[in-house]
Amino acid sequence: MGRSSVAIEVRGLSRTFHTTVRRPAFPGAVRSLVNPERVARHAVSDITFDVAAGELLALLGPNGAGKSTTIKILTGILTPTSGEARVAGVVPYRERERNARNVGAVFGQRTQLWWDLPVRESFAILRDIYEVPRAEHAARMAEFDEVLELSSFWDTRVRHLSLGQRVRSDLAAALLHDPPVVFLDEPTIGMGVVVGHFLAERHRAGASHGGTREEGGAQGRDDRHVTALPAVPGEERQPPGEARWTGSCRSCRSSCATATRPPSAPSSPGSTGRRATPDGGVLDSWGTELDLLRHS
């Protein structure tokens, strides 16, 4: 794969957070103040992958696997502890402003809109920030409104929007400047079926022009690629630095299901967080995310 055809390059990416352990009770609080105990938490551990221009990559894994942290590094929000990453030829955490013009991002739990302003005014501010010509801005807003029905609430302050309305607004804001790379972190939160189909159609249209989309905990398609991240970097069943599976969604679903534990092990749901699949395999605690993989 030539460098010019690679939209995202990740090599040995790691991110470690250091936190202070809070000891219980007042004596413990004093000890924590005088002699704090710090522990390291490895959110991302030595991951490597490429995403070609026009390709969709879905990151699957349980809570704490490092999906959101990976996306935050690639959008320039966080700096990695070690390793390298390039997005559209730009190192995101070194050239944040340049990278921001190349990417769009939707974080399901946060909004990029102005909380106290009507949605329409937020779009106008983003138009000026990204220097989108007014004619192009109007054309894109008309396209988004046709599917997302933004005009029914775009004079409403963002703080008064429902979850579904806010997600639709954030999605339009991320695509407003027509970025070549789009990151979606938990994009299915508050998203209806119509919006899901809109995303699929936008990706197909973008793929024909080299657009790329990366998702964390997201819906996927069988002709796309999936990287499954382990819950704990370095756990026995998953050596650090290796994706558990990279391939089509269908292959990932069947292979990961049969690789979690022997068929003779209990397969009923419960404290183990695992369950049986129709083909006799077993999905582990992140297997429920594989249920999101459906044909369009």
Protein backbone atom coordinates (compact mmCIF):
# COMPACT_ATOMS: atom_id res chain seq x y z
CA MET A 1 0.00 0.00 0.00
CA GLY A 2 1.64 3.23 -1.12
CA ARG A 3 1.95 6.19 1.24
CA SER A 4 -0.27 8.31 -1.01
CA SER A 5 -3.11 5.79 -0.68
CA VAL A 6 -2.94 5.63 3.13
CA ALA A 7 -5.27 8.00 4.96
CA ILE A 8 -4.30 6.94 8.50
CA GLU A 9 -1.00 5.43 9.63
CA VAL A 10 -0.50 4.20 13.20
CA ARG A 11 2.79 2.64 14.35
CA GLY A 12 3.39 1.32 17.88
CA LEU A 13 0.94 3.80 19.42
CA SER A 14 0.72 3.80 23.22
CA ARG A 15 -0.85 6.07 25.80
CA THR A 16 -0.34 5.75 29.55
CA PHE A 17 -2.22 7.79 32.16
CA HIS A 18 -0.81 8.33 35.66
CA THR A 19 -3.27 8.73 38.49
CA THR A 20 -2.99 9.18 42.25
CA VAL A 21 -4.51 6.52 44.50
CA ARG A 22 -6.81 8.03 47.12
CA ARG A 23 -6.51 6.17 50.44
CA PRO A 24 -9.67 5.81 52.57
CA ALA A 25 -10.63 7.90 55.61
CA PHE A 26 -8.95 11.05 56.94
CA PRO A 27 -5.58 9.45 57.85
CA GLY A 28 -5.44 7.96 54.36
CA ALA A 29 -6.21 11.34 52.80
CA VAL A 30 -3.33 12.90 54.77
CA ARG A 31 -0.96 10.13 53.69
CA SER A 32 -2.05 10.60 50.08
CA LEU A 33 -1.26 14.31 50.39
CA VAL A 34 2.16 13.83 52.04
CA ASN A 35 3.24 10.66 50.22
CA PRO A 36 1.00 10.18 47.16
CA GLU A 37 0.95 6.79 45.50
CA ARG A 38 0.81 7.04 41.72
CA VAL A 39 -0.19 4.21 39.40
CA ALA A 40 0.09 3.89 35.65
CA ARG A 41 -2.91 2.89 33.53
CA HIS A 42 -2.16 1.74 30.01
CA ALA A 43 -5.12 2.89 27.93
CA VAL A 44 -3.52 2.06 24.56
CA SER A 45 -0.63 -0.36 24.28
CA ASP A 46 1.53 -0.60 21.15
CA ILE A 47 -1.12 -0.74 18.41
CA THR A 48 -0.33 -0.62 14.71
CA PHE A 49 -2.68 -0.36 11.73
CA ASP A 50 -3.28 1.44 8.44
CA VAL A 51 -6.49 2.79 6.93
CA ALA A 52 -6.58 3.25 3.17
CA ALA A 53 -8.23 6.20 1.50
CA GLY A 54 -11.91 5.38 0.99
CA GLU A 55 -11.90 2.62 3.62
CA LEU A 56 -14.05 2.31 6.73
CA LEU A 57 -12.43 0.97 9.90
CA ALA A 58 -14.47 -0.02 12.95
CA LEU A 59 -12.78 -0.37 16.33
CA LEU A 60 -14.54 -2.91 18.54
CA GLY A 61 -13.81 -3.67 22.17
CA PRO A 62 -15.25 -3.51 25.70
CA ASN A 63 -15.20 -0.44 27.91
CA GLY A 64 -11.61 0.51 28.66
CA ALA A 65 -10.15 -1.13 25.56
CA GLY A 66 -8.76 2.18 24.29
CA LYS A 67 -11.12 2.97 21.40
CA SER A 68 -11.90 6.54 22.41
CA THR A 69 -8.30 7.21 23.47
CA THR A 70 -7.08 6.09 20.05
CA ILE A 71 -9.54 8.39 18.30
CA LYS A 72 -8.59 11.31 20.57
CA ILE A 73 -4.93 10.85 19.62
CA LEU A 74 -5.79 10.74 15.92
CA THR A 75 -7.88 13.91 16.21
CA GLY A 76 -5.06 15.73 18.03
CA ILE A 77 -6.81 15.98 21.41
CA LEU A 78 -4.26 13.76 23.17
CA THR A 79 -0.54 13.22 22.70
CA PRO A 80 0.67 9.60 22.71
CA THR A 81 3.18 8.39 25.26
CA SER A 82 5.08 6.63 22.48
CA GLY A 83 4.63 5.65 18.86
CA GLU A 84 3.65 7.61 15.79
CA ALA A 85 0.46 8.49 13.94
CA ARG A 86 -0.34 10.35 10.72
CA VAL A 87 -3.75 11.40 9.46
CA ALA A 88 -3.88 12.57 5.84
CA GLY A 89 -0.13 13.05 6.02
CA VAL A 90 -0.31 15.22 9.15
CA VAL A 91 0.92 14.36 12.65
CA PRO A 92 -2.30 15.30 14.51
CA TYR A 93 -0.85 16.10 17.94
CA ARG A 94 1.91 18.32 16.47
CA GLU A 95 -0.10 20.20 13.85
CA ARG A 96 -3.48 20.45 15.52
CA GLU A 97 -4.88 23.31 13.46
CA ARG A 98 -3.89 21.76 10.14
CA ASN A 99 -5.23 18.39 11.26
CA ALA A 100 -8.54 19.96 12.36
CA ARG A 101 -9.16 21.12 8.79
CA ASN A 102 -8.59 17.58 7.48
CA VAL A 103 -10.88 15.72 9.86
CA GLY A 104 -14.42 15.73 11.19
CA ALA A 105 -15.29 14.16 14.53
CA VAL A 106 -18.44 13.14 16.38
CA PHE A 107 -18.15 12.15 20.04
CA GLY A 108 -21.40 10.60 21.18
CA GLN A 109 -21.04 11.87 24.76
CA ARG A 110 -19.92 15.42 23.91
CA THR A 111 -20.94 18.17 21.54
CA GLN A 112 -18.82 20.53 19.46
CA LEU A 113 -21.67 23.04 19.22
CA TRP A 114 -22.05 26.14 21.37
CA TRP A 115 -24.29 25.24 24.30
CA ASP A 116 -26.11 28.57 24.60
CA LEU A 117 -26.49 29.34 20.90
CA PRO A 118 -29.12 28.14 18.45
CA VAL A 119 -27.93 25.32 16.20
CA ARG A 120 -28.07 27.52 13.10
CA GLU A 121 -25.66 30.05 14.67
CA SER A 122 -23.22 27.27 15.59
CA PHE A 123 -23.21 26.15 11.96
CA ALA A 124 -22.53 29.74 10.85
CA ILE A 125 -19.56 30.00 13.23
CA LEU A 126 -18.14 26.70 11.96
CA ARG A 127 -18.62 27.92 8.39
CA ASP A 128 -16.43 30.95 9.14
CA ILE A 129 -13.85 28.94 11.10
CA TYR A 130 -13.36 26.47 8.24
CA GLU A 131 -13.72 29.21 5.60
CA VAL A 132 -16.46 27.37 3.73
CA PRO A 133 -17.88 29.50 0.88
CA ARG A 134 -21.45 30.59 1.59
CA ALA A 135 -22.82 28.89 -1.54
CA GLU A 136 -21.22 25.55 -0.56
CA HIS A 137 -22.40 25.96 3.02
CA ALA A 138 -25.98 26.56 1.87
CA ALA A 139 -25.88 23.54 -0.46
CA ARG A 140 -24.57 21.23 2.28
CA MET A 141 -27.06 22.49 4.81
CA ALA A 142 -29.87 21.80 2.34
CA GLU A 143 -28.53 18.26 1.82
CA PHE A 144 -28.24 17.62 5.55
CA ASP A 145 -31.67 19.09 6.26
CA GLU A 146 -33.31 16.83 3.68
CA VAL A 147 -32.27 13.72 5.59
CA LEU A 148 -31.58 14.89 9.14
CA GLU A 149 -34.53 17.34 9.33
CA LEU A 150 -32.40 20.00 11.00
CA SER A 151 -34.67 22.92 10.13
CA SER A 152 -37.29 21.67 12.56
CA PHE A 153 -35.05 22.56 15.50
CA TRP A 154 -32.07 24.58 14.26
CA ASP A 155 -33.41 27.77 15.86
CA THR A 156 -33.37 25.99 19.24
CA ARG A 157 -30.51 26.45 21.69
CA VAL A 158 -28.24 23.41 21.83
CA ARG A 159 -28.84 22.96 25.56
CA HIS A 160 -32.55 22.38 24.86
CA LEU A 161 -32.08 19.72 22.17
CA SER A 162 -32.98 16.09 22.72
CA LEU A 163 -30.18 13.52 22.48
CA GLY A 164 -31.18 12.48 18.97
CA GLN A 165 -31.40 16.09 17.77
CA ARG A 166 -27.98 16.89 19.24
CA VAL A 167 -26.34 13.87 17.61
CA ARG A 168 -27.84 14.83 14.24
CA SER A 169 -26.57 18.37 14.67
CA ASP A 170 -23.08 17.18 15.64
CA LEU A 171 -23.00 14.88 12.63
CA ALA A 172 -23.85 17.76 10.29
CA ALA A 173 -21.24 19.96 11.99
CA ALA A 174 -18.55 17.29 11.50
CA LEU A 175 -19.33 17.01 7.78
CA LEU A 176 -19.87 20.73 7.17
CA HIS A 177 -16.36 21.42 5.80
CA ASP A 178 -16.31 18.17 3.77
CA PRO A 179 -13.28 16.61 5.51
CA PRO A 180 -11.40 13.71 3.87
CA VAL A 181 -11.31 11.78 7.19
CA VAL A 182 -14.21 11.44 9.64
CA PHE A 183 -14.00 9.96 13.15
CA LEU A 184 -17.14 8.70 14.87
CA ASP A 185 -16.85 7.78 18.54
CA GLU A 186 -19.96 5.88 19.68
CA PRO A 187 -21.96 7.46 16.87
CA THR A 188 -25.00 5.19 17.33
CA ILE A 189 -25.95 6.91 20.62
CA GLY A 190 -29.26 8.60 19.92
CA MET A 191 -29.05 7.80 16.22
CA GLY A 192 -32.09 6.49 14.37
CA VAL A 193 -32.24 4.12 11.39
CA VAL A 194 -32.63 6.95 8.88
CA VAL A 195 -29.48 8.66 10.15
CA GLY A 196 -27.61 5.35 9.99
CA HIS A 197 -28.53 4.95 6.34
CA PHE A 198 -27.51 8.56 5.72
CA LEU A 199 -24.07 7.79 7.15
CA ALA A 200 -23.76 4.70 4.98
CA GLU A 201 -24.66 6.65 1.85
CA ARG A 202 -22.27 9.46 2.75
CA HIS A 203 -19.48 6.93 3.20
CA ARG A 204 -20.19 5.30 -0.17
CA ALA A 205 -20.14 8.71 -1.81
CA GLY A 206 -16.99 9.71 0.07
CA ALA A 207 -15.21 6.46 -0.77
CA SER A 208 -15.49 7.23 -4.48
CA HIS A 209 -13.52 10.43 -3.75
CA GLY A 210 -11.05 8.90 -1.31
CA GLY A 211 -12.91 9.78 1.88
CA THR A 212 -12.21 7.72 4.98
CA ARG A 213 -14.22 6.98 8.11
CA GLU A 214 -13.12 5.45 11.40
CA GLU A 215 -15.57 4.36 14.06
CA GLY A 216 -15.25 3.38 17.69
CA GLY A 217 -17.95 1.01 19.01
CA ALA A 218 -19.82 1.51 15.76
CA GLN A 219 -22.01 -0.10 13.19
CA GLY A 220 -20.14 -1.69 10.31
CA ARG A 221 -20.58 -3.49 7.01
CA ASP A 222 -19.29 -6.87 5.89
CA ASP A 223 -17.13 -5.34 3.15
CA ARG A 224 -15.28 -3.15 5.65
CA HIS A 225 -12.48 -3.87 8.11
CA VAL A 226 -12.67 -4.29 11.86
CA THR A 227 -9.94 -4.13 14.47
CA ALA A 228 -10.89 -5.68 17.80
CA LEU A 229 -8.96 -4.32 20.78
CA PRO A 230 -8.37 -6.37 23.96
CA ALA A 231 -9.92 -5.27 27.23
CA VAL A 232 -6.58 -5.22 29.04
CA PRO A 233 -3.35 -4.68 27.06
CA GLY A 234 -1.01 -7.60 27.68
CA GLU A 235 -3.66 -10.07 28.87
CA GLU A 236 -2.73 -13.69 28.20
CA ARG A 237 -5.12 -14.30 25.33
CA GLN A 238 -4.03 -11.10 23.56
CA PRO A 239 -0.35 -10.12 23.19
CA PRO A 240 0.14 -6.33 23.25
CA GLY A 241 0.62 -4.69 19.89
CA GLU A 242 -1.57 -7.16 18.02
CA ALA A 243 -5.14 -6.53 16.99
CA ARG A 244 -7.28 -9.47 18.00
CA TRP A 245 -8.79 -9.56 14.54
CA THR A 246 -8.48 -7.46 11.42
CA GLY A 247 -10.68 -8.38 8.50
CA SER A 248 -14.29 -8.29 7.35
CA CYS A 249 -17.05 -7.83 9.90
CA ARG A 250 -18.50 -11.25 9.07
CA SER A 251 -15.14 -12.99 9.53
CA CYS A 252 -14.47 -11.06 12.73
CA ARG A 253 -17.83 -12.13 14.14
CA SER A 254 -17.31 -15.84 13.51
CA SER A 255 -13.61 -16.00 14.37
CA CYS A 256 -13.78 -13.99 17.59
CA ALA A 257 -16.79 -16.00 18.72
CA THR A 258 -14.93 -19.32 18.53
CA ALA A 259 -11.66 -18.02 19.96
CA THR A 260 -12.79 -16.92 23.41
CA ARG A 261 -12.90 -20.23 25.26
CA PRO A 262 -13.42 -23.99 24.74
CA PRO A 263 -16.93 -25.13 23.67
CA SER A 264 -17.17 -27.26 26.82
CA ALA A 265 -17.08 -24.19 29.06
CA PRO A 266 -20.39 -22.82 30.41
CA SER A 267 -22.07 -20.66 27.81
CA SER A 268 -24.95 -19.09 29.69
CA PRO A 269 -24.87 -15.36 30.36
CA GLY A 270 -24.13 -14.18 33.86
CA SER A 271 -21.11 -13.11 35.81
CA THR A 272 -18.76 -14.34 33.07
CA GLY A 273 -20.15 -11.81 30.59
CA ARG A 274 -20.08 -14.45 27.84
CA ARG A 275 -22.77 -16.23 25.86
CA ALA A 276 -23.19 -18.90 23.23
CA THR A 277 -23.58 -18.15 19.54
CA PRO A 278 -25.76 -20.09 17.05
CA ASP A 279 -22.68 -21.84 15.63
CA GLY A 280 -21.56 -23.11 19.04
CA GLY A 281 -18.94 -20.45 19.71
CA VAL A 282 -18.86 -18.06 22.62
CA LEU A 283 -18.72 -14.27 22.61
CA ASP A 284 -16.85 -12.57 25.43
CA SER A 285 -17.76 -9.33 27.20
CA TRP A 286 -17.42 -7.24 24.03
CA GLY A 287 -19.38 -9.71 21.93
CA THR A 288 -22.50 -7.60 22.26
CA GLU A 289 -20.81 -4.95 20.14
CA LEU A 290 -20.55 -7.49 17.33
CA ASP A 291 -24.35 -7.61 17.35
CA LEU A 292 -24.24 -4.12 15.85
CA LEU A 293 -22.70 -5.48 12.66
CA ARG A 294 -25.58 -5.75 10.24
CA HIS A 295 -26.07 -5.69 6.50
CA SER A 296 -27.38 -2.41 5.14
